[in-house]
Amino acid sequence: MTDPTTGTPTGPEALREQALQALLRARDRTSLLTDSVDEHDLMAQHSPLMSPLVWDLAHIGNQEEQWLLRTVAGREAMRPEIDSIYDAFEHPRSERPTLPLLAPAEARRYAAEVRGRALDVLEGTAFAGGRPLTEAGFAFGMIAQHEQQHDETMLITHQLRTGPQALTAPDPAPAPPYNGPAEVLVPGGPFTMGTSTEPWALDNERPAHRRSLEPYWLDTLPVTNAAYQEFVADGGYDQERWWDPAGWDHIRRHGIFAPQFWREEAGQWLRRRFGVTEVVPPGEPVLHVSWYEADAYARWAGRRLPTEAEWEKAARHDQDTDRSRRYPWGDADPGPEHANLGQRHLRPAPAGSYPAGESPLGIRQLIGDVWEWTASDFLPYPGFTAFPYKEYSEVFFGPEHKVLRGGSFAVDQVACRGTFRNWDYPIRRQIFCGFRTARDA
């Protein structure tokens, strides 16, 4: 059986192979992130916002054991005594260094033993006609996404740690000068938001539903460092009129005057990136700004942040067919020509890159490079049903969290699609986040 739009096999065995490759790819990345530093760095807490890397490593194994071995396969618990230690809801990140964590060697052995057994379960599980948890291999896709999301979290920890460079990767290819329009008109009208058909979509992406929007203009490219420096140079951080009141209070109390990891030296802006200090590259999308900073820039520029629905319509809707695609370029899985994903690079690509990945309206870099803040609170879609547990999405719904879309260079393709929703507090900026702006038509 194949998908008629992409020609990609979609039968149970093809999905089983996809699940296998997604799990293997995630584990290779986990190993890279944890083998590149010594035992002291693995056990240390590099920021109160983050867990020790060794906690993430064992948590990955524990979640895989609980879902694939115990829930899917019905097997006895391997290490029930550690469940509470690696329960993300029981222990906030700031407390995790005080817990009796598995030492690095033991954490590696545990995760490897779980994985070996999980691959046996994968081989013998029916992907059709069974429980919702295993239909189309959902549980295995969920665990691959979970591990990749923790890999992204561990990459953030690498960015926050001090000391010499531990990770390397080639830079993205230089982009030819972009000569297209600065913004694109997105026509008004209805479109289909969310999904009811993507087999590994998470509960907050569901169900598909119709939304209708007024026409609006959207930036063709993400906001660049050069553009953001103009905001800084114009005194943007010193003028209360651009800021949400809570954001103004936050930057004043914490002495924030530029994106995280930036510093000015001899009239030049520098940044620290994975242990290396370098000149802030003007042509890259701006990175490590909070929602409040993105919102203030947009106001200063006479614009606004797009809503989540506006972002998704621009990324997915094909005006000619009135159909919502999986990705801006179509339904095919991402390739290296489409987007900067999967930690192939340790930085965003220059703005204007990836013409093969642009949307039907010619909007670029909607997928990969930087997570993009939207104006929207993280809320459930009409008809939302929590699955397979409430703590994944439901407990986070509300005005405390803002939605980010599109993924970043730190996101694997298994956890990135046109419907994927990320969320965080509006003060957060250690994440790999940027933005683009919009205006009413």
Protein backbone atom coordinates (compact mmCIF):
# COMPACT_ATOMS: atom_id res chain seq x y z
CA MET A 1 0.00 0.00 0.00
CA THR A 2 1.33 3.45 -0.92
CA ASP A 3 0.29 7.02 -0.27
CA PRO A 4 -1.14 8.27 -3.58
CA THR A 5 0.20 11.79 -3.01
CA THR A 6 3.81 10.86 -2.22
CA GLY A 7 4.32 7.32 -3.46
CA THR A 8 5.63 6.43 0.01
CA PRO A 9 4.78 2.95 1.33
CA THR A 10 2.26 3.19 4.18
CA GLY A 11 1.43 -0.45 4.99
CA PRO A 12 2.21 -2.02 8.38
CA GLU A 13 5.64 -3.32 7.37
CA ALA A 14 6.68 0.01 5.87
CA LEU A 15 5.58 1.76 9.07
CA ARG A 16 7.47 -0.83 11.11
CA GLU A 17 10.64 -0.04 9.17
CA GLN A 18 10.02 3.69 9.62
CA ALA A 19 9.63 3.16 13.36
CA LEU A 20 12.83 1.14 13.49
CA GLN A 21 14.81 3.79 11.64
CA ALA A 22 13.34 6.57 13.79
CA LEU A 23 14.29 4.73 16.99
CA LEU A 24 17.81 3.98 15.74
CA ARG A 25 18.33 7.56 14.57
CA ALA A 26 17.21 8.90 17.94
CA ARG A 27 19.53 6.58 19.86
CA ASP A 28 22.50 7.50 17.68
CA ARG A 29 21.86 11.13 18.51
CA THR A 30 21.42 10.43 22.22
CA SER A 31 24.77 8.64 22.21
CA LEU A 32 26.47 11.54 20.45
CA LEU A 33 25.12 14.05 22.96
CA THR A 34 26.09 11.99 26.01
CA ASP A 35 29.39 10.51 24.78
CA SER A 36 30.84 13.90 23.82
CA VAL A 37 31.35 15.04 27.43
CA ASP A 38 32.96 13.45 30.47
CA GLU A 39 31.25 11.94 33.49
CA HIS A 40 31.45 15.17 35.47
CA ASP A 41 29.62 17.07 32.74
CA LEU A 42 27.00 14.33 32.50
CA MET A 43 26.25 14.53 36.23
CA ALA A 44 26.44 18.34 36.52
CA GLN A 45 23.47 20.67 36.29
CA HIS A 46 24.56 23.32 33.81
CA SER A 47 21.50 25.50 34.42
CA PRO A 48 18.60 25.30 36.90
CA LEU A 49 16.36 25.36 33.82
CA MET A 50 17.76 22.02 32.65
CA SER A 51 18.27 18.51 33.99
CA PRO A 52 21.68 16.87 34.28
CA LEU A 53 22.34 15.10 30.99
CA VAL A 54 22.47 11.76 32.78
CA TRP A 55 18.90 12.30 34.03
CA ASP A 56 17.69 12.74 30.45
CA LEU A 57 19.54 9.59 29.40
CA ALA A 58 17.92 7.35 32.01
CA HIS A 59 14.53 9.09 31.63
CA ILE A 60 14.57 8.21 27.93
CA GLY A 61 15.10 4.56 28.83
CA ASN A 62 12.48 4.62 31.59
CA GLN A 63 9.77 6.08 29.36
CA GLU A 64 10.59 3.52 26.68
CA GLU A 65 10.35 0.74 29.23
CA GLN A 66 7.04 1.97 30.64
CA TRP A 67 5.33 2.42 27.28
CA LEU A 68 6.80 -0.23 24.99
CA LEU A 69 7.72 -3.03 27.38
CA ARG A 70 5.10 -2.70 30.11
CA THR A 71 2.11 -1.11 28.34
CA VAL A 72 2.41 -2.45 24.78
CA ALA A 73 3.99 -5.84 25.54
CA GLY A 74 2.60 -6.37 29.06
CA ARG A 75 5.99 -7.31 30.49
CA GLU A 76 7.11 -7.08 34.10
CA ALA A 77 8.87 -3.90 35.17
CA MET A 78 12.66 -4.02 34.90
CA ARG A 79 13.45 -1.23 37.38
CA PRO A 80 10.20 -0.14 39.10
CA GLU A 81 12.17 1.48 41.92
CA ILE A 82 13.45 4.23 39.60
CA ASP A 83 10.09 5.23 38.12
CA SER A 84 9.54 8.09 40.55
CA ILE A 85 13.12 9.38 40.12
CA TYR A 86 12.57 9.81 36.39
CA ASP A 87 9.00 11.12 36.59
CA ALA A 88 9.19 14.58 35.03
CA PHE A 89 6.05 15.72 36.85
CA GLU A 90 7.15 14.55 40.28
CA HIS A 91 10.50 16.35 40.30
CA PRO A 92 11.10 19.79 38.74
CA ARG A 93 14.37 20.19 36.88
CA SER A 94 15.96 22.30 39.60
CA GLU A 95 15.65 19.38 42.08
CA ARG A 96 16.89 16.57 39.87
CA PRO A 97 20.61 16.79 40.78
CA THR A 98 19.66 15.94 44.38
CA LEU A 99 18.00 12.65 43.39
CA PRO A 100 19.76 9.25 43.57
CA LEU A 101 20.35 9.19 39.82
CA LEU A 102 21.82 6.24 37.98
CA ALA A 103 25.51 6.80 37.29
CA PRO A 104 26.41 7.30 33.62
CA ALA A 105 27.58 3.73 32.99
CA GLU A 106 24.51 2.26 34.69
CA ALA A 107 22.18 4.65 32.84
CA ARG A 108 23.73 3.61 29.52
CA ARG A 109 23.37 -0.10 30.35
CA TYR A 110 19.75 0.36 31.40
CA ALA A 111 18.80 2.33 28.27
CA ALA A 112 20.58 -0.20 26.05
CA GLU A 113 18.86 -3.18 27.68
CA VAL A 114 15.47 -1.52 27.34
CA ARG A 115 16.16 -0.77 23.69
CA GLY A 116 17.14 -4.34 22.90
CA ARG A 117 13.90 -5.63 24.36
CA ALA A 118 11.87 -2.85 22.72
CA LEU A 119 13.13 -3.82 19.28
CA ASP A 120 11.89 -7.36 19.92
CA VAL A 121 8.49 -5.90 20.82
CA LEU A 122 8.52 -3.80 17.65
CA GLU A 123 9.13 -6.88 15.52
CA GLY A 124 6.18 -8.77 16.99
CA THR A 125 3.53 -6.06 17.41
CA ALA A 126 0.55 -5.88 15.07
CA PHE A 127 0.20 -2.41 13.54
CA ALA A 128 -3.38 -2.84 12.32
CA GLY A 129 -6.64 -3.97 13.88
CA GLY A 130 -5.36 -3.77 17.43
CA ARG A 131 -5.39 -1.18 20.17
CA PRO A 132 -5.30 2.54 19.38
CA LEU A 133 -1.89 2.71 21.06
CA THR A 134 -0.35 0.36 18.49
CA GLU A 135 -2.42 1.29 15.43
CA ALA A 136 0.00 2.32 12.65
CA GLY A 137 2.83 1.91 15.17
CA PHE A 138 1.79 4.99 17.15
CA ALA A 139 3.47 3.95 20.42
CA PHE A 140 6.81 3.43 18.68
CA GLY A 141 6.52 6.74 16.84
CA MET A 142 5.61 8.46 20.11
CA ILE A 143 8.69 7.05 21.84
CA ALA A 144 10.95 8.06 18.94
CA GLN A 145 9.53 11.58 19.15
CA HIS A 146 9.97 11.60 22.92
CA GLU A 147 13.63 10.66 22.65
CA GLN A 148 14.27 13.24 19.94
CA GLN A 149 12.58 15.93 22.04
CA HIS A 150 14.93 15.08 24.90
CA ASP A 151 17.83 15.13 22.47
CA GLU A 152 16.82 18.68 21.61
CA THR A 153 16.67 19.45 25.33
CA MET A 154 20.14 17.98 25.80
CA LEU A 155 21.43 20.08 22.91
CA ILE A 156 20.09 23.14 24.74
CA THR A 157 22.04 21.97 27.79
CA HIS A 158 25.15 21.77 25.63
CA GLN A 159 24.56 25.38 24.58
CA LEU A 160 24.18 26.44 28.22
CA ARG A 161 27.23 24.60 29.55
CA THR A 162 30.50 26.46 29.94
CA GLY A 163 33.85 25.11 28.90
CA PRO A 164 35.44 24.06 25.62
CA GLN A 165 33.53 23.04 22.53
CA ALA A 166 32.18 19.48 22.79
CA LEU A 167 30.12 19.20 19.58
CA THR A 168 31.00 19.95 15.97
CA ALA A 169 29.04 19.88 12.72
CA PRO A 170 29.51 21.40 9.27
CA ASP A 171 27.99 24.81 8.64
CA PRO A 172 24.99 25.12 6.32
CA ALA A 173 25.80 25.96 2.73
CA PRO A 174 25.93 29.68 1.92
CA ALA A 175 22.69 30.96 0.43
CA PRO A 176 22.61 33.10 -2.70
CA PRO A 177 21.17 36.58 -2.10
CA TYR A 178 17.41 36.47 -1.71
CA ASN A 179 15.77 38.85 -4.16
CA GLY A 180 12.13 37.99 -3.60
CA PRO A 181 9.45 40.03 -1.84
CA ALA A 182 9.88 40.85 1.85
CA GLU A 183 6.32 39.77 2.61
CA VAL A 184 3.56 37.75 0.98
CA LEU A 185 -0.19 38.28 1.01
CA VAL A 186 -1.99 35.22 2.37
CA PRO A 187 -5.57 35.27 1.04
CA GLY A 188 -8.44 35.10 3.49
CA GLY A 189 -10.94 32.29 3.72
CA PRO A 190 -11.23 28.81 5.20
CA PHE A 191 -8.56 26.11 5.44
CA THR A 192 -8.08 22.82 7.26
CA MET A 193 -6.01 23.12 10.44
CA GLY A 194 -4.62 20.17 12.37
CA THR A 195 -4.79 16.54 11.32
CA SER A 196 -6.88 13.43 11.76
CA THR A 197 -4.78 11.29 9.41
CA GLU A 198 -1.09 11.74 10.31
CA PRO A 199 -0.37 8.37 12.00
CA TRP A 200 2.10 9.62 14.60
CA ALA A 201 0.57 13.05 15.24
CA LEU A 202 0.24 13.81 18.94
CA ASP A 203 -3.04 14.59 20.66
CA ASN A 204 -2.72 18.39 20.56
CA GLU A 205 -2.41 18.30 16.74
CA ARG A 206 -5.82 16.62 16.46
CA PRO A 207 -8.47 16.69 15.13
CA ALA A 208 -8.49 18.31 11.71
CA HIS A 209 -10.98 21.18 11.65
CA ARG A 210 -11.87 24.13 9.45
CA ARG A 211 -10.75 27.64 10.30
CA SER A 212 -11.49 30.85 8.44
CA LEU A 213 -9.09 33.80 8.47
CA GLU A 214 -9.05 37.34 7.19
CA PRO A 215 -6.30 38.09 4.64
CA TYR A 216 -2.92 39.06 6.10
CA TRP A 217 0.67 39.71 5.13
CA LEU A 218 3.47 37.46 6.40
CA ASP A 219 7.24 37.84 6.24
CA THR A 220 8.74 35.70 3.50
CA LEU A 221 11.79 34.99 5.69
CA PRO A 222 12.42 34.80 9.44
CA VAL A 223 13.63 38.00 11.10
CA THR A 224 17.43 38.14 10.83
CA ASN A 225 20.14 39.13 13.27
CA ALA A 226 20.81 42.25 11.21
CA ALA A 227 17.18 43.34 11.43
CA TYR A 228 17.06 42.61 15.14
CA GLN A 229 20.24 44.62 15.71
CA GLU A 230 18.43 47.64 14.29
CA PHE A 231 15.82 47.25 17.03
CA VAL A 232 18.57 47.01 19.65
CA ALA A 233 20.44 50.02 18.23
CA ASP A 234 17.25 52.08 18.20
CA GLY A 235 16.90 51.61 21.94
CA GLY A 236 14.24 48.94 21.69
CA TYR A 237 15.13 47.50 25.09
CA ASP A 238 14.90 50.94 26.71
CA GLN A 239 11.46 51.99 25.49
CA GLU A 240 8.54 50.68 27.48
CA ARG A 241 6.05 51.52 24.73
CA TRP A 242 7.08 48.47 22.67
CA TRP A 243 6.72 45.94 25.45
CA ASP A 244 3.96 43.86 26.92
CA PRO A 245 3.78 45.01 30.59
CA ALA A 246 4.88 41.62 31.92
CA GLY A 247 7.72 41.53 29.41
CA TRP A 248 8.89 45.03 30.33
CA ASP A 249 8.92 44.07 33.99
CA HIS A 250 10.85 40.89 33.19
CA ILE A 251 13.63 42.52 31.15
CA ARG A 252 14.08 45.31 33.72
CA ARG A 253 14.31 42.89 36.64
CA HIS A 254 16.76 40.60 34.85
CA GLY A 255 18.86 43.21 33.05
CA ILE A 256 18.09 41.86 29.57
CA PHE A 257 19.33 44.07 26.73
CA ALA A 258 19.91 41.68 23.79
CA PRO A 259 19.24 38.06 22.76
CA GLN A 260 20.64 35.43 25.09
CA PHE A 261 24.32 34.59 24.54
CA TRP A 262 25.00 37.98 22.86
CA ARG A 263 27.47 40.52 24.17
CA GLU A 264 28.80 43.77 22.74
CA GLU A 265 32.54 44.28 22.54
CA ALA A 266 34.32 47.22 20.89
CA GLY A 267 31.13 48.19 19.08
CA GLN A 268 30.57 44.71 17.69
CA TRP A 269 28.01 42.11 18.69
CA LEU A 270 29.42 38.69 19.55
CA ARG A 271 27.66 35.49 20.55
CA ARG A 272 28.62 32.25 22.25
CA ARG A 273 27.52 29.16 20.34
CA PHE A 274 28.31 25.70 21.72
CA GLY A 275 31.52 26.84 23.37
CA VAL A 276 32.73 29.08 20.53
CA THR A 277 32.61 32.88 20.57
CA GLU A 278 31.94 34.42 17.15
CA VAL A 279 30.63 37.56 15.49
CA VAL A 280 26.84 37.52 15.28
CA PRO A 281 26.17 36.60 11.63
CA PRO A 282 23.91 39.28 10.17
CA GLY A 283 22.18 37.07 7.62
CA GLU A 284 21.05 34.29 9.94
CA PRO A 285 17.61 34.17 11.58
CA VAL A 286 17.78 35.68 15.05
CA LEU A 287 17.99 33.04 17.76
CA HIS A 288 17.43 32.82 21.53
CA VAL A 289 14.80 35.53 21.94
CA SER A 290 11.79 35.23 24.22
CA TRP A 291 8.19 35.72 23.16
CA TYR A 292 8.30 39.12 24.85
CA GLU A 293 11.33 40.13 22.78
CA ALA A 294 9.74 38.90 19.56
CA ASP A 295 6.51 40.74 20.37
CA ALA A 296 8.38 43.97 21.19
CA TYR A 297 10.35 43.83 17.94
CA ALA A 298 7.16 43.30 15.95
CA ARG A 299 5.51 46.33 17.59
CA TRP A 300 8.61 48.44 16.97
CA ALA A 301 8.51 47.40 13.29
CA GLY A 302 4.83 48.39 13.05
CA ARG A 303 3.79 44.77 12.74
CA ARG A 304 2.72 41.88 14.96
CA LEU A 305 3.38 38.20 15.52
CA PRO A 306 1.24 35.86 13.41
CA THR A 307 -1.37 33.78 15.15
CA GLU A 308 -0.87 30.05 15.22
CA ALA A 309 -3.64 29.61 12.64
CA GLU A 310 -2.03 32.20 10.36
CA TRP A 311 1.30 30.40 10.61
CA GLU A 312 -0.25 27.03 9.76
CA LYS A 313 -2.29 28.33 6.84
CA ALA A 314 0.82 29.92 5.35
CA ALA A 315 2.78 26.70 5.86
CA ARG A 316 0.24 24.13 4.67
CA HIS A 317 -2.65 25.51 2.62
CA ASP A 318 -2.59 25.09 -1.14
CA GLN A 319 -4.88 27.77 -2.52
CA ASP A 320 -5.31 26.00 -5.87
CA THR A 321 -6.61 22.74 -4.39
CA ASP A 322 -7.96 23.98 -1.02
CA ARG A 323 -5.93 21.20 0.55
CA SER A 324 -3.60 21.30 3.55
CA ARG A 325 -0.24 19.68 2.90
CA ARG A 326 1.92 17.85 5.43
CA TYR A 327 4.74 20.33 4.82
CA PRO A 328 5.12 23.62 2.94
CA TRP A 329 6.65 21.84 -0.08
CA GLY A 330 4.11 19.00 -0.20
CA ASP A 331 3.56 15.65 1.48
CA ALA A 332 7.00 14.06 1.05
CA ASP A 333 9.13 13.64 4.16
CA PRO A 334 11.80 16.33 4.66
CA GLY A 335 15.08 15.96 2.82
CA PRO A 336 18.27 18.01 3.21
CA GLU A 337 17.15 20.16 0.29
CA HIS A 338 13.94 21.16 2.10
CA ALA A 339 14.94 22.24 5.60
CA ASN A 340 17.66 22.49 8.24
CA LEU A 341 16.67 19.68 10.62
CA GLY A 342 18.17 16.85 12.63
CA GLN A 343 21.27 18.54 14.08
CA ARG A 344 23.03 18.22 10.73
CA HIS A 345 24.22 21.75 11.50
CA LEU A 346 24.61 23.51 14.83
CA ARG A 347 23.18 26.81 13.66
CA PRO A 348 20.41 28.20 11.47
CA ALA A 349 21.02 28.45 7.75
CA PRO A 350 21.15 31.94 6.23
CA ALA A 351 17.77 33.55 5.69
CA GLY A 352 16.60 32.77 2.17
CA SER A 353 17.94 29.21 2.15
CA TYR A 354 16.06 26.11 1.01
CA PRO A 355 14.04 27.34 -1.98
CA ALA A 356 12.96 23.70 -2.51
CA GLY A 357 11.21 23.88 0.86
CA GLU A 358 9.15 27.00 0.27
CA SER A 359 5.37 27.08 0.57
CA PRO A 360 2.93 27.47 -2.36
CA LEU A 361 3.07 31.24 -1.74
CA GLY A 362 6.87 31.31 -1.77
CA ILE A 363 7.43 31.62 1.99
CA ARG A 364 10.74 30.06 3.06
CA GLN A 365 12.16 28.33 6.13
CA LEU A 366 8.83 27.68 7.79
CA ILE A 367 10.24 24.27 8.75
CA GLY A 368 13.58 23.96 10.52
CA ASP A 369 16.25 26.56 11.41
CA VAL A 370 14.40 28.26 14.31
CA TRP A 371 11.21 27.62 16.22
CA GLU A 372 8.88 30.54 15.48
CA TRP A 373 6.93 32.25 18.23
CA THR A 374 3.28 32.92 17.44
CA ALA A 375 0.82 35.29 19.10
CA SER A 376 -1.36 32.41 20.30
CA ASP A 377 -1.84 30.79 23.68
CA PHE A 378 -1.54 27.00 23.79
CA LEU A 379 -5.15 25.80 23.70
CA PRO A 380 -6.94 22.60 22.63
CA TYR A 381 -8.55 22.29 19.23
CA PRO A 382 -12.32 21.77 19.01
CA GLY A 383 -12.96 18.10 19.70
CA PHE A 384 -9.62 17.54 21.46
CA THR A 385 -9.22 14.20 23.24
CA ALA A 386 -6.24 13.49 25.48
CA PHE A 387 -4.27 10.46 24.25
CA PRO A 388 -2.55 8.42 25.48
CA TYR A 389 -2.23 10.40 28.74
CA LYS A 390 -3.39 13.80 29.97
CA GLU A 391 0.05 14.97 31.04
CA TYR A 392 1.39 15.26 27.50
CA SER A 393 -0.71 18.28 26.49
CA GLU A 394 -3.82 18.87 28.54
CA VAL A 395 -2.13 20.06 31.73
CA PHE A 396 -0.29 22.76 29.75
CA PHE A 397 -3.29 24.33 28.04
CA GLY A 398 -3.93 27.94 28.99
CA PRO A 399 -2.60 31.48 28.68
CA GLU A 400 0.63 30.70 30.56
CA HIS A 401 2.18 29.09 27.47
CA LYS A 402 2.69 30.52 23.98
CA VAL A 403 2.79 28.38 20.85
CA LEU A 404 5.90 27.95 18.70
CA ARG A 405 5.80 26.38 15.26
CA GLY A 406 8.05 24.95 12.58
CA GLY A 407 10.90 23.24 14.42
CA SER A 408 14.57 24.20 14.42
CA PHE A 409 17.95 22.86 13.36
CA ALA A 410 17.83 20.87 16.63
CA VAL A 411 14.60 19.01 15.75
CA ASP A 412 14.46 15.64 14.02
CA GLN A 413 12.02 15.09 11.19
CA VAL A 414 10.04 12.55 13.24
CA ALA A 415 9.06 15.39 15.60
CA CYS A 416 8.50 18.09 12.99
CA ARG A 417 5.62 18.57 10.54
CA GLY A 418 3.23 21.27 9.46
CA THR A 419 0.82 20.41 12.28
CA PHE A 420 3.36 19.98 15.10
CA ARG A 421 2.81 22.31 18.06
CA ASN A 422 5.44 23.33 20.59
CA TRP A 423 4.80 25.57 23.59
CA ASP A 424 6.73 27.34 26.31
CA TYR A 425 6.59 30.20 28.77
CA PRO A 426 6.93 33.63 27.12
CA ILE A 427 10.11 34.36 29.12
CA ARG A 428 11.98 31.34 27.74
CA ARG A 429 14.85 31.98 25.35
CA GLN A 430 17.40 29.24 25.94
CA ILE A 431 15.40 27.24 23.39
CA PHE A 432 16.29 27.51 19.69
CA CYS A 433 13.61 30.09 18.95
CA GLY A 434 13.18 33.01 16.58
CA PHE A 435 10.18 34.47 14.75
CA ARG A 436 8.73 36.20 11.71
CA THR A 437 6.17 39.00 11.67
CA ALA A 438 2.78 39.67 10.11
CA ARG A 439 0.36 42.52 9.53
CA ASP A 440 -3.31 42.86 8.65
CA ALA A 441 -4.12 43.23 4.97
